[in-house]
PDB file of N, CA and C in Angstrom:
ATOM      1  N   MET A   1      14.185   5.886   3.082  1.00  0.00           N
ATOM      2  CA  MET A   1      15.420   6.596   3.300  1.00  0.00           C
ATOM      3  C   MET A   1      16.449   5.730   4.019  1.00  0.00           C
ATOM      4  N   VAL A   2      16.024   4.774   4.811  1.00  0.00           N
ATOM      5  CA  VAL A   2      16.968   3.985   5.597  1.00  0.00           C
ATOM      6  C   VAL A   2      17.374   2.704   4.869  1.00  0.00           C
ATOM      7  N   LEU A   3      16.424   2.006   4.285  1.00  0.00           N
ATOM      8  CA  LEU A   3      16.758   0.731   3.648  1.00  0.00           C
ATOM      9  C   LEU A   3      17.691   0.863   2.446  1.00  0.00           C
ATOM     10  N   PRO A   4      17.567   1.902   1.608  1.00  0.00           N
ATOM     11  CA  PRO A   4      18.607   2.024   0.570  1.00  0.00           C
ATOM     12  C   PRO A   4      20.009   2.173   1.155  1.00  0.00           C
ATOM     13  N   ASN A   5      20.126   2.829   2.320  1.00  0.00           N
ATOM     14  CA  ASN A   5      21.434   2.904   2.973  1.00  0.00           C
ATOM     15  C   ASN A   5      21.901   1.537   3.448  1.00  0.00           C
ATOM     16  N   PHE A   6      20.977   0.714   3.899  1.00  0.00           N
ATOM     17  CA  PHE A   6      21.334  -0.646   4.304  1.00  0.00           C
ATOM     18  C   PHE A   6      21.872  -1.430   3.114  1.00  0.00           C
ATOM     19  N   TRP A   7      21.161  -1.397   1.997  1.00  0.00           N
ATOM     20  CA  TRP A   7      21.618  -2.115   0.801  1.00  0.00           C
ATOM     21  C   TRP A   7      22.928  -1.524   0.288  1.00  0.00           C
ATOM     22  N   PHE A   8      23.075  -0.180   0.383  1.00  0.00           N
ATOM     23  CA  PHE A   8      24.321   0.449  -0.040  1.00  0.00           C
ATOM     24  C   PHE A   8      25.474   0.012   0.864  1.00  0.00           C
ATOM     25  N   GLY A   9      25.189  -0.215   2.147  1.00  0.00           N
ATOM     26  CA  GLY A   9      26.231  -0.704   3.052  1.00  0.00           C
ATOM     27  C   GLY A   9      26.767  -2.049   2.624  1.00  0.00           C
ATOM     28  N   ILE A  10      25.886  -2.921   2.179  1.00  0.00           N
ATOM     29  CA  ILE A  10      26.331  -4.224   1.673  1.00  0.00           C
ATOM     30  C   ILE A  10      27.176  -4.025   0.418  1.00  0.00           C
ATOM     31  N   TYR A  11      26.725  -3.123  -0.455  1.00  0.00           N
ATOM     32  CA  TYR A  11      27.437  -2.867  -1.711  1.00  0.00           C
ATOM     33  C   TYR A  11      28.821  -2.273  -1.454  1.00  0.00           C
ATOM     34  N   SER A  12      28.921  -1.353  -0.469  1.00  0.00           N
ATOM     35  CA  SER A  12      30.190  -0.684  -0.208  1.00  0.00           C
ATOM     36  C   SER A  12      30.989  -1.342   0.915  1.00  0.00           C
ATOM     37  N   MET A  13      30.579  -2.539   1.323  1.00  0.00           N
ATOM     38  CA  MET A  13      31.233  -3.292   2.386  1.00  0.00           C
ATOM     39  C   MET A  13      31.304  -2.486   3.684  1.00  0.00           C
ATOM     40  N   TYR A  14      30.229  -1.751   3.984  1.00  0.00           N
ATOM     41  CA  TYR A  14      30.093  -0.963   5.213  1.00  0.00           C
ATOM     42  C   TYR A  14      31.293  -0.057   5.448  1.00  0.00           C
ATOM     43  N   SER A  15      31.649   0.709   4.415  1.00  0.00           N
ATOM     44  CA  SER A  15      32.813   1.582   4.495  1.00  0.00           C
ATOM     45  C   SER A  15      32.555   2.862   5.275  1.00  0.00           C
ATOM     46  N   GLY A  16      31.295   3.163   5.582  1.00  0.00           N
ATOM     47  CA  GLY A  16      30.979   4.380   6.325  1.00  0.00           C
ATOM     48  C   GLY A  16      30.652   5.560   5.431  1.00  0.00           C
ATOM     49  N   SER A  17      30.677   5.374   4.128  1.00  0.00           N
ATOM     50  CA  SER A  17      30.324   6.471   3.228  1.00  0.00           C
ATOM     51  C   SER A  17      28.810   6.626   3.171  1.00  0.00           C
ATOM     52  N   PHE A  18      28.366   7.856   2.927  1.00  0.00           N
ATOM     53  CA  PHE A  18      26.941   8.157   2.911  1.00  0.00           C
ATOM     54  C   PHE A  18      26.387   8.086   1.497  1.00  0.00           C
ATOM     55  N   LEU A  19      25.199   7.577   1.381  1.00  0.00           N
ATOM     56  CA  LEU A  19      24.516   7.538   0.099  1.00  0.00           C
ATOM     57  C   LEU A  19      23.834   8.871  -0.171  1.00  0.00           C
ATOM     58  N   TYR A  20      23.340   9.526   0.881  1.00  0.00           N
ATOM     59  CA  TYR A  20      22.628  10.801   0.772  1.00  0.00           C
ATOM     60  C   TYR A  20      23.392  11.902   1.496  1.00  0.00           C
ATOM     61  N   GLU A  21      23.078  13.117   1.150  1.00  0.00           N
ATOM     62  CA  GLU A  21      23.589  14.277   1.877  1.00  0.00           C
ATOM     63  C   GLU A  21      22.848  14.391   3.202  1.00  0.00           C
ATOM     64  N   LYS A  22      23.511  14.878   4.254  1.00  0.00           N
ATOM     65  CA  LYS A  22      22.885  14.952   5.576  1.00  0.00           C
ATOM     66  C   LYS A  22      21.699  15.911   5.601  1.00  0.00           C
ATOM     67  N   PHE A  23      21.731  16.928   4.778  1.00  0.00           N
ATOM     68  CA  PHE A  23      20.623  17.884   4.723  1.00  0.00           C
ATOM     69  C   PHE A  23      19.329  17.212   4.260  1.00  0.00           C
ATOM     70  N   ILE A  24      19.455  16.208   3.395  1.00  0.00           N
ATOM     71  CA  ILE A  24      18.278  15.495   2.903  1.00  0.00           C
ATOM     72  C   ILE A  24      17.580  14.770   4.048  1.00  0.00           C
ATOM     73  N   TYR A  25      18.337  14.189   4.971  1.00  0.00           N
ATOM     74  CA  TYR A  25      17.726  13.519   6.118  1.00  0.00           C
ATOM     75  C   TYR A  25      16.896  14.497   6.946  1.00  0.00           C
ATOM     76  N   GLN A  26      17.438  15.686   7.172  1.00  0.00           N
ATOM     77  CA  GLN A  26      16.728  16.678   7.981  1.00  0.00           C
ATOM     78  C   GLN A  26      15.469  17.154   7.286  1.00  0.00           C
ATOM     79  N   MET A  27      15.527  17.413   6.001  1.00  0.00           N
ATOM     80  CA  MET A  27      14.346  17.872   5.273  1.00  0.00           C
ATOM     81  C   MET A  27      13.322  16.745   5.117  1.00  0.00           C
ATOM     82  N   TYR A  28      13.764  15.518   5.042  1.00  0.00           N
ATOM     83  CA  TYR A  28      12.833  14.391   4.944  1.00  0.00           C
ATOM     84  C   TYR A  28      11.947  14.338   6.191  1.00  0.00           C
ATOM     85  N   ASN A  29      12.554  14.481   7.353  1.00  0.00           N
ATOM     86  CA  ASN A  29      11.771  14.428   8.582  1.00  0.00           C
ATOM     87  C   ASN A  29      10.736  15.537   8.631  1.00  0.00           C
ATOM     88  N   ILE A  30      11.085  16.709   8.182  1.00  0.00           N
ATOM     89  CA  ILE A  30      10.156  17.832   8.242  1.00  0.00           C
ATOM     90  C   ILE A  30       9.086  17.710   7.169  1.00  0.00           C
ATOM     91  N   VAL A  31       9.481  17.491   5.937  1.00  0.00           N
ATOM     92  CA  VAL A  31       8.550  17.560   4.810  1.00  0.00           C
ATOM     93  C   VAL A  31       7.696  16.303   4.673  1.00  0.00           C
ATOM     94  N   PHE A  32       8.288  15.132   4.736  1.00  0.00           N
ATOM     95  CA  PHE A  32       7.551  13.907   4.442  1.00  0.00           C
ATOM     96  C   PHE A  32       7.002  13.197   5.668  1.00  0.00           C
ATOM     97  N   THR A  33       7.439  13.573   6.853  1.00  0.00           N
ATOM     98  CA  THR A  33       6.942  12.912   8.047  1.00  0.00           C
ATOM     99  C   THR A  33       5.929  13.759   8.794  1.00  0.00           C
ATOM    100  N   SER A  34       6.219  15.011   9.011  1.00  0.00           N
ATOM    101  CA  SER A  34       5.317  15.814   9.838  1.00  0.00           C
ATOM    102  C   SER A  34       4.260  16.568   9.050  1.00  0.00           C
ATOM    103  N   LEU A  35       4.604  17.162   7.939  1.00  0.00           N
ATOM    104  CA  LEU A  35       3.636  17.997   7.218  1.00  0.00           C
ATOM    105  C   LEU A  35       2.423  17.230   6.682  1.00  0.00           C
ATOM    106  N   PRO A  36       2.560  16.038   6.098  1.00  0.00           N
ATOM    107  CA  PRO A  36       1.347  15.329   5.655  1.00  0.00           C
ATOM    108  C   PRO A  36       0.417  14.959   6.805  1.00  0.00           C
ATOM    109  N   ILE A  37       0.962  14.588   7.941  1.00  0.00           N
ATOM    110  CA  ILE A  37       0.126  14.245   9.087  1.00  0.00           C
ATOM    111  C   ILE A  37      -0.637  15.468   9.564  1.00  0.00           C
ATOM    112  N   ILE A  38       0.024  16.591   9.635  1.00  0.00           N
ATOM    113  CA  ILE A  38      -0.640  17.832  10.048  1.00  0.00           C
ATOM    114  C   ILE A  38      -1.703  18.218   9.022  1.00  0.00           C
ATOM    115  N   TRP A  39      -1.387  18.113   7.754  1.00  0.00           N
ATOM    116  CA  TRP A  39      -2.337  18.487   6.700  1.00  0.00           C
ATOM    117  C   TRP A  39      -3.607  17.634   6.771  1.00  0.00           C
ATOM    118  N   TYR A  40      -3.440  16.316   6.820  1.00  0.00           N
ATOM    119  CA  TYR A  40      -4.611  15.434   6.833  1.00  0.00           C
ATOM    120  C   TYR A  40      -5.400  15.525   8.131  1.00  0.00           C
ATOM    121  N   SER A  41      -4.735  15.756   9.229  1.00  0.00           N
ATOM    122  CA  SER A  41      -5.478  15.871  10.480  1.00  0.00           C
ATOM    123  C   SER A  41      -6.318  17.144  10.519  1.00  0.00           C
ATOM    124  N   LEU A  42      -5.914  18.159   9.801  1.00  0.00           N
ATOM    125  CA  LEU A  42      -6.677  19.411   9.804  1.00  0.00           C
ATOM    126  C   LEU A  42      -7.738  19.485   8.716  1.00  0.00           C
ATOM    127  N   PHE A  43      -7.489  18.887   7.546  1.00  0.00           N
ATOM    128  CA  PHE A  43      -8.362  19.150   6.396  1.00  0.00           C
ATOM    129  C   PHE A  43      -9.061  17.930   5.795  1.00  0.00           C
ATOM    130  N   ASP A  44      -8.719  16.715   6.181  1.00  0.00           N
ATOM    131  CA  ASP A  44      -9.304  15.544   5.541  1.00  0.00           C
ATOM    132  C   ASP A  44     -10.379  14.931   6.431  1.00  0.00           C
ATOM    133  N   PHE A  45     -11.637  15.078   6.030  1.00  0.00           N
ATOM    134  CA  PHE A  45     -12.754  14.491   6.767  1.00  0.00           C
ATOM    135  C   PHE A  45     -13.679  13.780   5.795  1.00  0.00           C
ATOM    136  N   GLN A  46     -14.063  12.566   6.146  1.00  0.00           N
ATOM    137  CA  GLN A  46     -14.995  11.815   5.326  1.00  0.00           C
ATOM    138  C   GLN A  46     -16.426  12.263   5.602  1.00  0.00           C
ATOM    139  N   HIS A  47     -16.668  12.682   6.836  1.00  0.00           N
ATOM    140  CA  HIS A  47     -17.987  13.148   7.267  1.00  0.00           C
ATOM    141  C   HIS A  47     -17.813  14.478   7.993  1.00  0.00           C
ATOM    142  N   PRO A  48     -18.885  15.225   8.171  1.00  0.00           N
ATOM    143  CA  PRO A  48     -18.778  16.448   8.998  1.00  0.00           C
ATOM    144  C   PRO A  48     -18.367  16.099  10.434  1.00  0.00           C
ATOM    145  N   LYS A  49     -17.704  17.026  11.096  1.00  0.00           N
ATOM    146  CA  LYS A  49     -17.164  16.761  12.427  1.00  0.00           C
ATOM    147  C   LYS A  49     -18.253  16.388  13.425  1.00  0.00           C
ATOM    148  N   GLN A  50     -19.384  17.002  13.349  1.00  0.00           N
ATOM    149  CA  GLN A  50     -20.452  16.741  14.306  1.00  0.00           C
ATOM    150  C   GLN A  50     -20.972  15.307  14.186  1.00  0.00           C
ATOM    151  N   ARG A  51     -20.949  14.749  12.998  1.00  0.00           N
ATOM    152  CA  ARG A  51     -21.443  13.382  12.803  1.00  0.00           C
ATOM    153  C   ARG A  51     -20.561  12.366  13.517  1.00  0.00           C
ATOM    154  N   TYR A  52     -19.261  12.618  13.603  1.00  0.00           N
ATOM    155  CA  TYR A  52     -18.373  11.719  14.335  1.00  0.00           C
ATOM    156  C   TYR A  52     -18.737  11.666  15.814  1.00  0.00           C
ATOM    157  N   LEU A  53     -19.172  12.793  16.356  1.00  0.00           N
ATOM    158  CA  LEU A  53     -19.553  12.826  17.765  1.00  0.00           C
ATOM    159  C   LEU A  53     -20.903  12.149  18.003  1.00  0.00           C
ATOM    160  N   GLU A  54     -21.782  12.167  17.024  1.00  0.00           N
ATOM    161  CA  GLU A  54     -23.128  11.633  17.190  1.00  0.00           C
ATOM    162  C   GLU A  54     -23.253  10.154  16.836  1.00  0.00           C
ATOM    163  N   ASP A  55     -22.407   9.623  15.966  1.00  0.00           N
ATOM    164  CA  ASP A  55     -22.555   8.259  15.464  1.00  0.00           C
ATOM    165  C   ASP A  55     -21.290   7.439  15.736  1.00  0.00           C
ATOM    166  N   PRO A  56     -21.254   6.673  16.835  1.00  0.00           N
ATOM    167  CA  PRO A  56     -20.047   5.900  17.152  1.00  0.00           C
ATOM    168  C   PRO A  56     -19.802   4.719  16.208  1.00  0.00           C
ATOM    169  N   SER A  57     -20.789   4.352  15.382  1.00  0.00           N
ATOM    170  CA  SER A  57     -20.567   3.227  14.465  1.00  0.00           C
ATOM    171  C   SER A  57     -19.540   3.565  13.380  1.00  0.00           C
ATOM    172  N   LEU A  58     -19.201   4.825  13.213  1.00  0.00           N
ATOM    173  CA  LEU A  58     -18.188   5.208  12.227  1.00  0.00           C
ATOM    174  C   LEU A  58     -16.794   4.716  12.624  1.00  0.00           C
ATOM    175  N   TYR A  59     -16.617   4.346  13.882  1.00  0.00           N
ATOM    176  CA  TYR A  59     -15.318   3.888  14.367  1.00  0.00           C
ATOM    177  C   TYR A  59     -15.160   2.376  14.313  1.00  0.00           C
ATOM    178  N   GLN A  60     -16.139   1.634  13.765  1.00  0.00           N
ATOM    179  CA  GLN A  60     -16.087   0.180  13.741  1.00  0.00           C
ATOM    180  C   GLN A  60     -14.920  -0.360  12.919  1.00  0.00           C
ATOM    181  N   LEU A  61     -14.515   0.358  11.883  1.00  0.00           N
ATOM    182  CA  LEU A  61     -13.409  -0.089  11.040  1.00  0.00           C
ATOM    183  C   LEU A  61     -12.141  -0.284  11.862  1.00  0.00           C
ATOM    184  N   GLY A  62     -11.849   0.648  12.750  1.00  0.00           N
ATOM    185  CA  GLY A  62     -10.656   0.531  13.583  1.00  0.00           C
ATOM    186  C   GLY A  62     -10.813  -0.449  14.725  1.00  0.00           C
ATOM    187  N   LEU A  63     -12.017  -0.532  15.297  1.00  0.00           N
ATOM    188  CA  LEU A  63     -12.236  -1.436  16.420  1.00  0.00           C
ATOM    189  C   LEU A  63     -12.181  -2.895  16.009  1.00  0.00           C
ATOM    190  N   LYS A  64     -12.610  -3.209  14.800  1.00  0.00           N
ATOM    191  CA  LYS A  64     -12.587  -4.594  14.317  1.00  0.00           C
ATOM    192  C   LYS A  64     -11.288  -4.952  13.607  1.00  0.00           C
ATOM    193  N   LYS A  65     -10.354  -4.020  13.540  1.00  0.00           N
ATOM    194  CA  LYS A  65      -9.035  -4.220  12.915  1.00  0.00           C
ATOM    195  C   LYS A  65      -9.152  -4.689  11.477  1.00  0.00           C
ATOM    196  N   GLN A  66     -10.043  -4.068  10.723  1.00  0.00           N
ATOM    197  CA  GLN A  66     -10.248  -4.461   9.335  1.00  0.00           C
ATOM    198  C   GLN A  66      -9.107  -4.000   8.429  1.00  0.00           C
ATOM    199  N   CYS A  67      -8.485  -2.901   8.752  1.00  0.00           N
ATOM    200  CA  CYS A  67      -7.382  -2.390   7.922  1.00  0.00           C
ATOM    201  C   CYS A  67      -6.029  -2.496   8.607  1.00  0.00           C
ATOM    202  N   PHE A  68      -6.007  -2.946   9.865  1.00  0.00           N
ATOM    203  CA  PHE A  68      -4.767  -2.997  10.622  1.00  0.00           C
ATOM    204  C   PHE A  68      -4.577  -4.401  11.184  1.00  0.00           C
ATOM    205  N   SER A  69      -3.649  -5.140  10.609  1.00  0.00           N
ATOM    206  CA  SER A  69      -3.352  -6.481  11.107  1.00  0.00           C
ATOM    207  C   SER A  69      -1.858  -6.736  10.959  1.00  0.00           C
ATOM    208  N   ASN A  70      -1.374  -7.778  11.631  1.00  0.00           N
ATOM    209  CA  ASN A  70       0.053  -8.118  11.540  1.00  0.00           C
ATOM    210  C   ASN A  70       0.437  -8.495  10.114  1.00  0.00           C
ATOM    211  N   ARG A  71      -0.445  -9.193   9.421  1.00  0.00           N
ATOM    212  CA  ARG A  71      -0.150  -9.612   8.048  1.00  0.00           C
ATOM    213  C   ARG A  71       0.023  -8.400   7.134  1.00  0.00           C
ATOM    214  N   LYS A  72      -0.884  -7.447   7.235  1.00  0.00           N
ATOM    215  CA  LYS A  72      -0.772  -6.249   6.397  1.00  0.00           C
ATOM    216  C   LYS A  72       0.447  -5.418   6.772  1.00  0.00           C
ATOM    217  N   PHE A  73       0.743  -5.356   8.070  1.00  0.00           N
ATOM    218  CA  PHE A  73       1.923  -4.617   8.520  1.00  0.00           C
ATOM    219  C   PHE A  73       3.188  -5.185   7.903  1.00  0.00           C
ATOM    220  N   TRP A  74       3.369  -6.507   7.998  1.00  0.00           N
ATOM    221  CA  TRP A  74       4.581  -7.120   7.464  1.00  0.00           C
ATOM    222  C   TRP A  74       4.614  -7.108   5.945  1.00  0.00           C
ATOM    223  N   PHE A  75       3.450  -7.116   5.311  1.00  0.00           N
ATOM    224  CA  PHE A  75       3.416  -6.970   3.863  1.00  0.00           C
ATOM    225  C   PHE A  75       4.014  -5.633   3.450  1.00  0.00           C
ATOM    226  N   TRP A  76       3.599  -4.561   4.130  1.00  0.00           N
ATOM    227  CA  TRP A  76       4.106  -3.239   3.755  1.00  0.00           C
ATOM    228  C   TRP A  76       5.564  -3.056   4.132  1.00  0.00           C
ATOM    229  N   ILE A  77       6.037  -3.684   5.195  1.00  0.00           N
ATOM    230  CA  ILE A  77       7.461  -3.641   5.530  1.00  0.00           C
ATOM    231  C   ILE A  77       8.273  -4.337   4.432  1.00  0.00           C
ATOM    232  N   GLY A  78       7.819  -5.505   4.003  1.00  0.00           N
ATOM    233  CA  GLY A  78       8.509  -6.219   2.916  1.00  0.00           C
ATOM    234  C   GLY A  78       8.474  -5.458   1.607  1.00  0.00           C
ATOM    235  N   TYR A  79       7.340  -4.841   1.322  1.00  0.00           N
ATOM    236  CA  TYR A  79       7.215  -4.047   0.096  1.00  0.00           C
ATOM    237  C   TYR A  79       8.181  -2.860   0.114  1.00  0.00           C
ATOM    238  N   GLY A  80       8.344  -2.235   1.271  1.00  0.00           N
ATOM    239  CA  GLY A  80       9.297  -1.131   1.393  1.00  0.00           C
ATOM    240  C   GLY A  80      10.730  -1.583   1.211  1.00  0.00           C
ATOM    241  N   ALA A  81      11.064  -2.765   1.756  1.00  0.00           N
ATOM    242  CA  ALA A  81      12.415  -3.307   1.578  1.00  0.00           C
ATOM    243  C   ALA A  81      12.685  -3.624   0.114  1.00  0.00           C
ATOM    244  N   PHE A  82      11.688  -4.160  -0.577  1.00  0.00           N
ATOM    245  CA  PHE A  82      11.826  -4.450  -1.993  1.00  0.00           C
ATOM    246  C   PHE A  82      12.037  -3.174  -2.802  1.00  0.00           C
ATOM    247  N   GLN A  83      11.266  -2.121  -2.512  1.00  0.00           N
ATOM    248  CA  GLN A  83      11.434  -0.851  -3.217  1.00  0.00           C
ATOM    249  C   GLN A  83      12.797  -0.236  -2.950  1.00  0.00           C
ATOM    250  N   ALA A  84      13.294  -0.392  -1.712  1.00  0.00           N
ATOM    251  CA  ALA A  84      14.620   0.141  -1.394  1.00  0.00           C
ATOM    252  C   ALA A  84      15.700  -0.585  -2.191  1.00  0.00           C
ATOM    253  N   ALA A  85      15.575  -1.895  -2.313  1.00  0.00           N
ATOM    254  CA  ALA A  85      16.548  -2.652  -3.101  1.00  0.00           C
ATOM    255  C   ALA A  85      16.484  -2.268  -4.576  1.00  0.00           C
ATOM    256  N   LEU A  86      15.277  -2.061  -5.105  1.00  0.00           N
ATOM    257  CA  LEU A  86      15.143  -1.624  -6.495  1.00  0.00           C
ATOM    258  C   LEU A  86      15.733  -0.233  -6.708  1.00  0.00           C
ATOM    259  N   THR A  87      15.524   0.649  -5.746  1.00  0.00           N
ATOM    260  CA  THR A  87      16.081   2.002  -5.846  1.00  0.00           C
ATOM    261  C   THR A  87      17.597   1.950  -5.938  1.00  0.00           C
ATOM    262  N   LEU A  88      18.207   1.162  -5.068  1.00  0.00           N
ATOM    263  CA  LEU A  88      19.665   1.044  -5.097  1.00  0.00           C
ATOM    264  C   LEU A  88      20.129   0.388  -6.396  1.00  0.00           C
ATOM    265  N   TRP A  89      19.452  -0.647  -6.840  1.00  0.00           N
ATOM    266  CA  TRP A  89      19.860  -1.353  -8.051  1.00  0.00           C
ATOM    267  C   TRP A  89      19.772  -0.443  -9.271  1.00  0.00           C
ATOM    268  N   PHE A  90      18.659   0.304  -9.433  1.00  0.00           N
ATOM    269  CA  PHE A  90      18.525   1.198 -10.577  1.00  0.00           C
ATOM    270  C   PHE A  90      19.506   2.364 -10.511  1.00  0.00           C
ATOM    271  N   THR A  91      19.879   2.766  -9.313  1.00  0.00           N
ATOM    272  CA  THR A  91      20.824   3.881  -9.163  1.00  0.00           C
ATOM    273  C   THR A  91      22.222   3.485  -9.615  1.00  0.00           C
ATOM    274  N   PHE A  92      22.659   2.295  -9.233  1.00  0.00           N
ATOM    275  CA  PHE A  92      24.044   1.911  -9.521  1.00  0.00           C
ATOM    276  C   PHE A  92      24.221   1.145 -10.805  1.00  0.00           C
ATOM    277  N   TYR A  93      23.169   0.542 -11.316  1.00  0.00           N
ATOM    278  CA  TYR A  93      23.344  -0.235 -12.525  1.00  0.00           C
ATOM    279  C   TYR A  93      22.499   0.355 -13.622  1.00  0.00           C
TER     280      TYR A  93
END
């Protein structure tokens, strides 16, 4: 939601015009930011809840940083910037 506005700013020479309606920003925060987190925290379990309390080895993935590293973080930031540029390009051309 933010990076297409950045690319649009370059396109419109930072004229202050909006690419999206303001209502879309408000609904984005509610629908795409908070509701999925609430949904997955309540209903998505790989194992039964009691097993998490009994077996601490299930937390090794996070402790060893196997899925969370600076390289992966910056990869996804770059991928998001690329998608934002493509979104703007396909919209205007």
